[in-house]
Structure formats: structure tokens, C-alpha cells
């Protein structure tokens, strides 16, 4: 199933002449952010949710570097 939200983001970024790799990278991180928050729409999330995701990434990276 294709996400209308991600399709919109993709089309918007291409309309603004973003490079293909940039669009792919942004979509990758947006999708991971949504999945991390149990598929909640980003409009329903706030700054605390962004901080949780970034903390998760930082902790995950830290644990990978310590192994």
C-alpha cells in the first residue's frame, strides 16, 4: 500500500528540484520516523516525539559504536 502522505512529500520535493538521492534519503528518514511512532501521522506528532526519535537514534548509534 502506497502512503498518500509520502507520495505527496516525494512529488513536492521533485517539484522543488531536489536531487533524487536527497528525496530518497528524506523519504527513508520520514518513513522510519513514522514507523518508530507506530504509524502515527506526522501531523499528530509534536516536538517531544521528534526528541524521542532522535534520542533513540543517538542511543542506537552509541551502542553500535561501543560493540
PDB file of N, CA and C in Angstrom:
ATOM      1  N   UNK A   1       0.839  -1.186   0.000  1.00  0.00           N
ATOM      2  CA  UNK A   1       0.000   0.000   0.000  1.00  0.00           C
ATOM      3  C   UNK A   1       0.882   1.247   0.000  1.00  0.00           C
ATOM      4  N   UNK A   2       0.567   2.159  -0.874  1.00  0.00           N
ATOM      5  CA  UNK A   2       1.346   3.377  -1.017  1.00  0.00           C
ATOM      6  C   UNK A   2       0.766   4.463  -0.109  1.00  0.00           C
ATOM      7  N   UNK A   3       1.655   5.115   0.619  1.00  0.00           N
ATOM      8  CA  UNK A   3       1.243   6.190   1.517  1.00  0.00           C
ATOM      9  C   UNK A   3       0.993   7.471   0.713  1.00  0.00           C
ATOM     10  N   UNK A   4      -0.198   8.016   0.841  1.00  0.00           N
ATOM     11  CA  UNK A   4      -0.508   9.279   0.163  1.00  0.00           C
ATOM     12  C   UNK A   4       0.373  10.410   0.691  1.00  0.00           C
ATOM     13  N   UNK A   5       0.652  10.366   1.993  1.00  0.00           N
ATOM     14  CA  UNK A   5       1.499  11.389   2.601  1.00  0.00           C
ATOM     15  C   UNK A   5       2.908  11.346   2.003  1.00  0.00           C
ATOM     16  N   UNK A   6       3.509  10.153   1.939  1.00  0.00           N
ATOM     17  CA  UNK A   6       4.864  10.047   1.390  1.00  0.00           C
ATOM     18  C   UNK A   6       4.892  10.362  -0.100  1.00  0.00           C
ATOM     19  N   UNK A   7       3.838  10.007  -0.811  1.00  0.00           N
ATOM     20  CA  UNK A   7       3.745  10.350  -2.235  1.00  0.00           C
ATOM     21  C   UNK A   7       3.689  11.862  -2.410  1.00  0.00           C
ATOM     22  N   UNK A   8       2.924  12.521  -1.561  1.00  0.00           N
ATOM     23  CA  UNK A   8       2.842  13.985  -1.609  1.00  0.00           C
ATOM     24  C   UNK A   8       4.216  14.607  -1.349  1.00  0.00           C
ATOM     25  N   UNK A   9       4.902  14.123  -0.315  1.00  0.00           N
ATOM     26  CA  UNK A   9       6.233  14.649   0.018  1.00  0.00           C
ATOM     27  C   UNK A   9       7.182  14.466  -1.159  1.00  0.00           C
ATOM     28  N   UNK A  10       7.161  13.283  -1.737  1.00  0.00           N
ATOM     29  CA  UNK A  10       8.027  12.969  -2.875  1.00  0.00           C
ATOM     30  C   UNK A  10       7.756  13.907  -4.052  1.00  0.00           C
ATOM     31  N   UNK A  11       6.495  14.067  -4.410  1.00  0.00           N
ATOM     32  CA  UNK A  11       6.141  14.936  -5.531  1.00  0.00           C
ATOM     33  C   UNK A  11       6.504  16.392  -5.249  1.00  0.00           C
ATOM     34  N   UNK A  12       6.273  16.817  -4.018  1.00  0.00           N
ATOM     35  CA  UNK A  12       6.609  18.192  -3.633  1.00  0.00           C
ATOM     36  C   UNK A  12       8.106  18.438  -3.763  1.00  0.00           C
ATOM     37  N   UNK A  13       8.907  17.498  -3.290  1.00  0.00           N
ATOM     38  CA  UNK A  13      10.362  17.671  -3.339  1.00  0.00           C
ATOM     39  C   UNK A  13      10.879  17.674  -4.774  1.00  0.00           C
ATOM     40  N   UNK A  14      10.321  16.820  -5.635  1.00  0.00           N
ATOM     41  CA  UNK A  14      10.719  16.838  -7.040  1.00  0.00           C
ATOM     42  C   UNK A  14      10.295  18.138  -7.713  1.00  0.00           C
ATOM     43  N   UNK A  15       9.135  18.656  -7.331  1.00  0.00           N
ATOM     44  CA  UNK A  15       8.659  19.928  -7.872  1.00  0.00           C
ATOM     45  C   UNK A  15       9.623  21.066  -7.502  1.00  0.00           C
ATOM     46  N   UNK A  16      10.225  20.956  -6.312  1.00  0.00           N
ATOM     47  CA  UNK A  16      11.192  21.959  -5.846  1.00  0.00           C
ATOM     48  C   UNK A  16      12.614  21.654  -6.314  1.00  0.00           C
ATOM     49  N   UNK A  17      12.754  20.684  -7.202  1.00  0.00           N
ATOM     50  CA  UNK A  17      14.023  20.317  -7.840  1.00  0.00           C
ATOM     51  C   UNK A  17      15.056  19.722  -6.879  1.00  0.00           C
ATOM     52  N   UNK A  18      14.593  19.002  -5.879  1.00  0.00           N
ATOM     53  CA  UNK A  18      15.524  18.278  -5.021  1.00  0.00           C
ATOM     54  C   UNK A  18      16.150  17.143  -5.833  1.00  0.00           C
ATOM     55  N   UNK A  19      17.381  16.810  -5.534  1.00  0.00           N
ATOM     56  CA  UNK A  19      18.057  15.697  -6.197  1.00  0.00           C
ATOM     57  C   UNK A  19      17.395  14.373  -5.803  1.00  0.00           C
ATOM     58  N   UNK A  20      17.459  13.414  -6.715  1.00  0.00           N
ATOM     59  CA  UNK A  20      16.830  12.115  -6.471  1.00  0.00           C
ATOM     60  C   UNK A  20      17.334  11.485  -5.177  1.00  0.00           C
ATOM     61  N   UNK A  21      18.628  11.496  -4.939  1.00  0.00           N
ATOM     62  CA  UNK A  21      19.201  10.893  -3.731  1.00  0.00           C
ATOM     63  C   UNK A  21      18.733  11.624  -2.469  1.00  0.00           C
ATOM     64  N   UNK A  22      18.562  12.917  -2.554  1.00  0.00           N
ATOM     65  CA  UNK A  22      18.068  13.687  -1.414  1.00  0.00           C
ATOM     66  C   UNK A  22      16.635  13.288  -1.093  1.00  0.00           C
ATOM     67  N   UNK A  23      15.815  13.171  -2.126  1.00  0.00           N
ATOM     68  CA  UNK A  23      14.419  12.761  -1.945  1.00  0.00           C
ATOM     69  C   UNK A  23      14.371  11.372  -1.312  1.00  0.00           C
ATOM     70  N   UNK A  24      15.171  10.453  -1.825  1.00  0.00           N
ATOM     71  CA  UNK A  24      15.202   9.098  -1.281  1.00  0.00           C
ATOM     72  C   UNK A  24      15.618   9.102   0.188  1.00  0.00           C
ATOM     73  N   UNK A  25      16.612   9.900   0.516  1.00  0.00           N
ATOM     74  CA  UNK A  25      17.091   9.976   1.893  1.00  0.00           C
ATOM     75  C   UNK A  25      16.020  10.549   2.817  1.00  0.00           C
ATOM     76  N   UNK A  26      15.399  11.645   2.408  1.00  0.00           N
ATOM     77  CA  UNK A  26      14.340  12.250   3.224  1.00  0.00           C
ATOM     78  C   UNK A  26      13.187  11.266   3.436  1.00  0.00           C
ATOM     79  N   UNK A  27      12.772  10.594   2.372  1.00  0.00           N
ATOM     80  CA  UNK A  27      11.671   9.641   2.486  1.00  0.00           C
ATOM     81  C   UNK A  27      12.036   8.482   3.413  1.00  0.00           C
ATOM     82  N   UNK A  28      13.284   8.038   3.353  1.00  0.00           N
ATOM     83  CA  UNK A  28      13.750   6.966   4.235  1.00  0.00           C
ATOM     84  C   UNK A  28      13.591   7.377   5.698  1.00  0.00           C
ATOM     85  N   UNK A  29      14.058   8.585   6.026  1.00  0.00           N
ATOM     86  CA  UNK A  29      14.011   9.026   7.422  1.00  0.00           C
ATOM     87  C   UNK A  29      12.588   9.370   7.874  1.00  0.00           C
ATOM     88  N   UNK A  30      11.789   9.924   7.000  1.00  0.00           N
ATOM     89  CA  UNK A  30      10.392  10.207   7.348  1.00  0.00           C
ATOM     90  C   UNK A  30       9.650   8.899   7.618  1.00  0.00           C
ATOM     91  N   UNK A  31       9.870   7.896   6.758  1.00  0.00           N
ATOM     92  CA  UNK A  31       9.223   6.600   6.942  1.00  0.00           C
ATOM     93  C   UNK A  31       9.651   5.966   8.260  1.00  0.00           C
ATOM     94  N   UNK A  32      10.939   6.020   8.577  1.00  0.00           N
ATOM     95  CA  UNK A  32      11.423   5.455   9.836  1.00  0.00           C
ATOM     96  C   UNK A  32      10.852   6.196  11.041  1.00  0.00           C
ATOM     97  N   UNK A  33      10.715   7.502  10.927  1.00  0.00           N
ATOM     98  CA  UNK A  33      10.115   8.304  11.999  1.00  0.00           C
ATOM     99  C   UNK A  33       8.662   7.869  12.237  1.00  0.00           C
ATOM    100  N   UNK A  34       7.915   7.681  11.164  1.00  0.00           N
ATOM    101  CA  UNK A  34       6.517   7.259  11.260  1.00  0.00           C
ATOM    102  C   UNK A  34       6.426   5.852  11.862  1.00  0.00           C
ATOM    103  N   UNK A  35       7.267   4.943  11.407  1.00  0.00           N
ATOM    104  CA  UNK A  35       7.248   3.580  11.935  1.00  0.00           C
ATOM    105  C   UNK A  35       7.643   3.538  13.409  1.00  0.00           C
ATOM    106  N   UNK A  36       8.612   4.356  13.792  1.00  0.00           N
ATOM    107  CA  UNK A  36       9.032   4.419  15.188  1.00  0.00           C
ATOM    108  C   UNK A  36       7.864   4.799  16.088  1.00  0.00           C
ATOM    109  N   UNK A  37       7.000   5.658  15.590  1.00  0.00           N
ATOM    110  CA  UNK A  37       5.846   6.118  16.370  1.00  0.00           C
ATOM    111  C   UNK A  37       4.576   5.348  16.019  1.00  0.00           C
ATOM    112  N   UNK A  38       4.754   4.061  15.706  1.00  0.00           N
ATOM    113  CA  UNK A  38       3.626   3.148  15.463  1.00  0.00           C
ATOM    114  C   UNK A  38       2.650   3.645  14.399  1.00  0.00           C
ATOM    115  N   UNK A  39       3.220   4.163  13.335  1.00  0.00           N
ATOM    116  CA  UNK A  39       2.472   4.592  12.147  1.00  0.00           C
ATOM    117  C   UNK A  39       1.522   5.757  12.395  1.00  0.00           C
ATOM    118  N   UNK A  40       1.843   6.575  13.382  1.00  0.00           N
ATOM    119  CA  UNK A  40       1.063   7.805  13.578  1.00  0.00           C
ATOM    120  C   UNK A  40       1.435   8.797  12.485  1.00  0.00           C
ATOM    121  N   UNK A  41       0.454   9.541  12.041  1.00  0.00           N
ATOM    122  CA  UNK A  41       0.712  10.558  11.022  1.00  0.00           C
ATOM    123  C   UNK A  41       1.558  11.674  11.635  1.00  0.00           C
ATOM    124  N   UNK A  42       2.557  12.166  10.909  1.00  0.00           N
ATOM    125  CA  UNK A  42       3.418  13.226  11.457  1.00  0.00           C
ATOM    126  C   UNK A  42       2.664  14.473  11.927  1.00  0.00           C
ATOM    127  N   UNK A  43       1.508  14.747  11.341  1.00  0.00           N
ATOM    128  CA  UNK A  43       0.724  15.905  11.795  1.00  0.00           C
ATOM    129  C   UNK A  43       0.246  15.741  13.231  1.00  0.00           C
ATOM    130  N   UNK A  44       0.162  14.491  13.697  1.00  0.00           N
ATOM    131  CA  UNK A  44      -0.310  14.226  15.048  1.00  0.00           C
ATOM    132  C   UNK A  44       0.830  14.166  16.063  1.00  0.00           C
ATOM    133  N   UNK A  45       2.052  14.345  15.591  1.00  0.00           N
ATOM    134  CA  UNK A  45       3.215  14.262  16.467  1.00  0.00           C
ATOM    135  C   UNK A  45       3.740  15.662  16.759  1.00  0.00           C
ATOM    136  N   UNK A  46       4.492  15.773  17.860  1.00  0.00           N
ATOM    137  CA  UNK A  46       4.997  17.091  18.250  1.00  0.00           C
ATOM    138  C   UNK A  46       6.497  17.049  18.523  1.00  0.00           C
ATOM    139  N   UNK A  47       7.012  18.116  19.097  1.00  0.00           N
ATOM    140  CA  UNK A  47       8.449  18.229  19.353  1.00  0.00           C
ATOM    141  C   UNK A  47       8.970  17.122  20.258  1.00  0.00           C
ATOM    142  N   UNK A  48       8.187  16.722  21.239  1.00  0.00           N
ATOM    143  CA  UNK A  48       8.605  15.641  22.134  1.00  0.00           C
ATOM    144  C   UNK A  48       8.801  14.337  21.361  1.00  0.00           C
ATOM    145  N   UNK A  49       7.965  14.110  20.371  1.00  0.00           N
ATOM    146  CA  UNK A  49       8.094  12.903  19.559  1.00  0.00           C
ATOM    147  C   UNK A  49       9.364  12.939  18.707  1.00  0.00           C
ATOM    148  N   UNK A  50       9.705  14.109  18.217  1.00  0.00           N
ATOM    149  CA  UNK A  50      10.943  14.262  17.462  1.00  0.00           C
ATOM    150  C   UNK A  50      12.133  13.980  18.387  1.00  0.00           C
ATOM    151  N   UNK A  51      12.102  14.528  19.604  1.00  0.00           N
ATOM    152  CA  UNK A  51      13.180  14.300  20.567  1.00  0.00           C
ATOM    153  C   UNK A  51      13.312  12.822  20.912  1.00  0.00           C
ATOM    154  N   UNK A  52      12.192  12.125  21.069  1.00  0.00           N
ATOM    155  CA  UNK A  52      12.235  10.683  21.354  1.00  0.00           C
ATOM    156  C   UNK A  52      12.915   9.922  20.226  1.00  0.00           C
ATOM    157  N   UNK A  53      12.561  10.258  18.999  1.00  0.00           N
ATOM    158  CA  UNK A  53      13.147   9.581  17.846  1.00  0.00           C
ATOM    159  C   UNK A  53      14.640   9.864  17.750  1.00  0.00           C
ATOM    160  N   UNK A  54      15.019  11.113  17.925  1.00  0.00           N
ATOM    161  CA  UNK A  54      16.440  11.462  17.846  1.00  0.00           C
ATOM    162  C   UNK A  54      17.241  10.832  18.979  1.00  0.00           C
ATOM    163  N   UNK A  55      16.665  10.763  20.167  1.00  0.00           N
ATOM    164  CA  UNK A  55      17.331  10.100  21.290  1.00  0.00           C
ATOM    165  C   UNK A  55      17.507   8.611  20.999  1.00  0.00           C
ATOM    166  N   UNK A  56      16.479   8.010  20.441  1.00  0.00           N
ATOM    167  CA  UNK A  56      16.563   6.599  20.062  1.00  0.00           C
ATOM    168  C   UNK A  56      17.711   6.389  19.072  1.00  0.00           C
ATOM    169  N   UNK A  57      17.791   7.241  18.060  1.00  0.00           N
ATOM    170  CA  UNK A  57      18.860   7.104  17.066  1.00  0.00           C
ATOM    171  C   UNK A  57      20.227   7.298  17.690  1.00  0.00           C
ATOM    172  N   UNK A  58      20.349   8.298  18.568  1.00  0.00           N
ATOM    173  CA  UNK A  58      21.636   8.570  19.221  1.00  0.00           C
ATOM    174  C   UNK A  58      22.042   7.399  20.106  1.00  0.00           C
ATOM    175  N   UNK A  59      21.104   6.857  20.848  1.00  0.00           N
ATOM    176  CA  UNK A  59      21.403   5.710  21.721  1.00  0.00           C
ATOM    177  C   UNK A  59      21.753   4.469  20.906  1.00  0.00           C
ATOM    178  N   UNK A  60      21.050   4.277  19.815  1.00  0.00           N
ATOM    179  CA  UNK A  60      21.313   3.135  18.954  1.00  0.00           C
ATOM    180  C   UNK A  60      22.715   3.262  18.344  1.00  0.00           C
ATOM    181  N   UNK A  61      23.061   4.443  17.880  1.00  0.00           N
ATOM    182  CA  UNK A  61      24.391   4.672  17.302  1.00  0.00           C
ATOM    183  C   UNK A  61      25.466   4.499  18.351  1.00  0.00           C
ATOM    184  N   UNK A  62      25.209   5.023  19.553  1.00  0.00           N
ATOM    185  CA  UNK A  62      26.168   4.901  20.652  1.00  0.00           C
ATOM    186  C   UNK A  62      26.417   3.426  20.979  1.00  0.00           C
ATOM    187  N   UNK A  63      25.357   2.635  21.038  1.00  0.00           N
ATOM    188  CA  UNK A  63      25.525   1.210  21.375  1.00  0.00           C
ATOM    189  C   UNK A  63      26.244   0.468  20.257  1.00  0.00           C
ATOM    190  N   UNK A  64      26.038   0.868  18.996  1.00  0.00           N
ATOM    191  CA  UNK A  64      26.745   0.233  17.883  1.00  0.00           C
ATOM    192  C   UNK A  64      28.235   0.552  17.926  1.00  0.00           C
ATOM    193  N   UNK A  65      28.570   1.777  18.301  1.00  0.00           N
ATOM    194  CA  UNK A  65      29.967   2.189  18.356  1.00  0.00           C
ATOM    195  C   UNK A  65      30.710   1.564  19.530  1.00  0.00           C
ATOM    196  N   UNK A  66      30.006   1.137  20.558  1.00  0.00           N
ATOM    197  CA  UNK A  66      30.641   0.546  21.736  1.00  0.00           C
ATOM    198  C   UNK A  66      30.796  -0.965  21.622  1.00  0.00           C
ATOM    199  N   UNK A  67      30.337  -1.552  20.541  1.00  0.00           N
ATOM    200  CA  UNK A  67      30.473  -3.012  20.360  1.00  0.00           C
ATOM    201  C   UNK A  67      31.621  -3.350  19.480  1.00  0.00           C
TER     202      UNK A  67
END
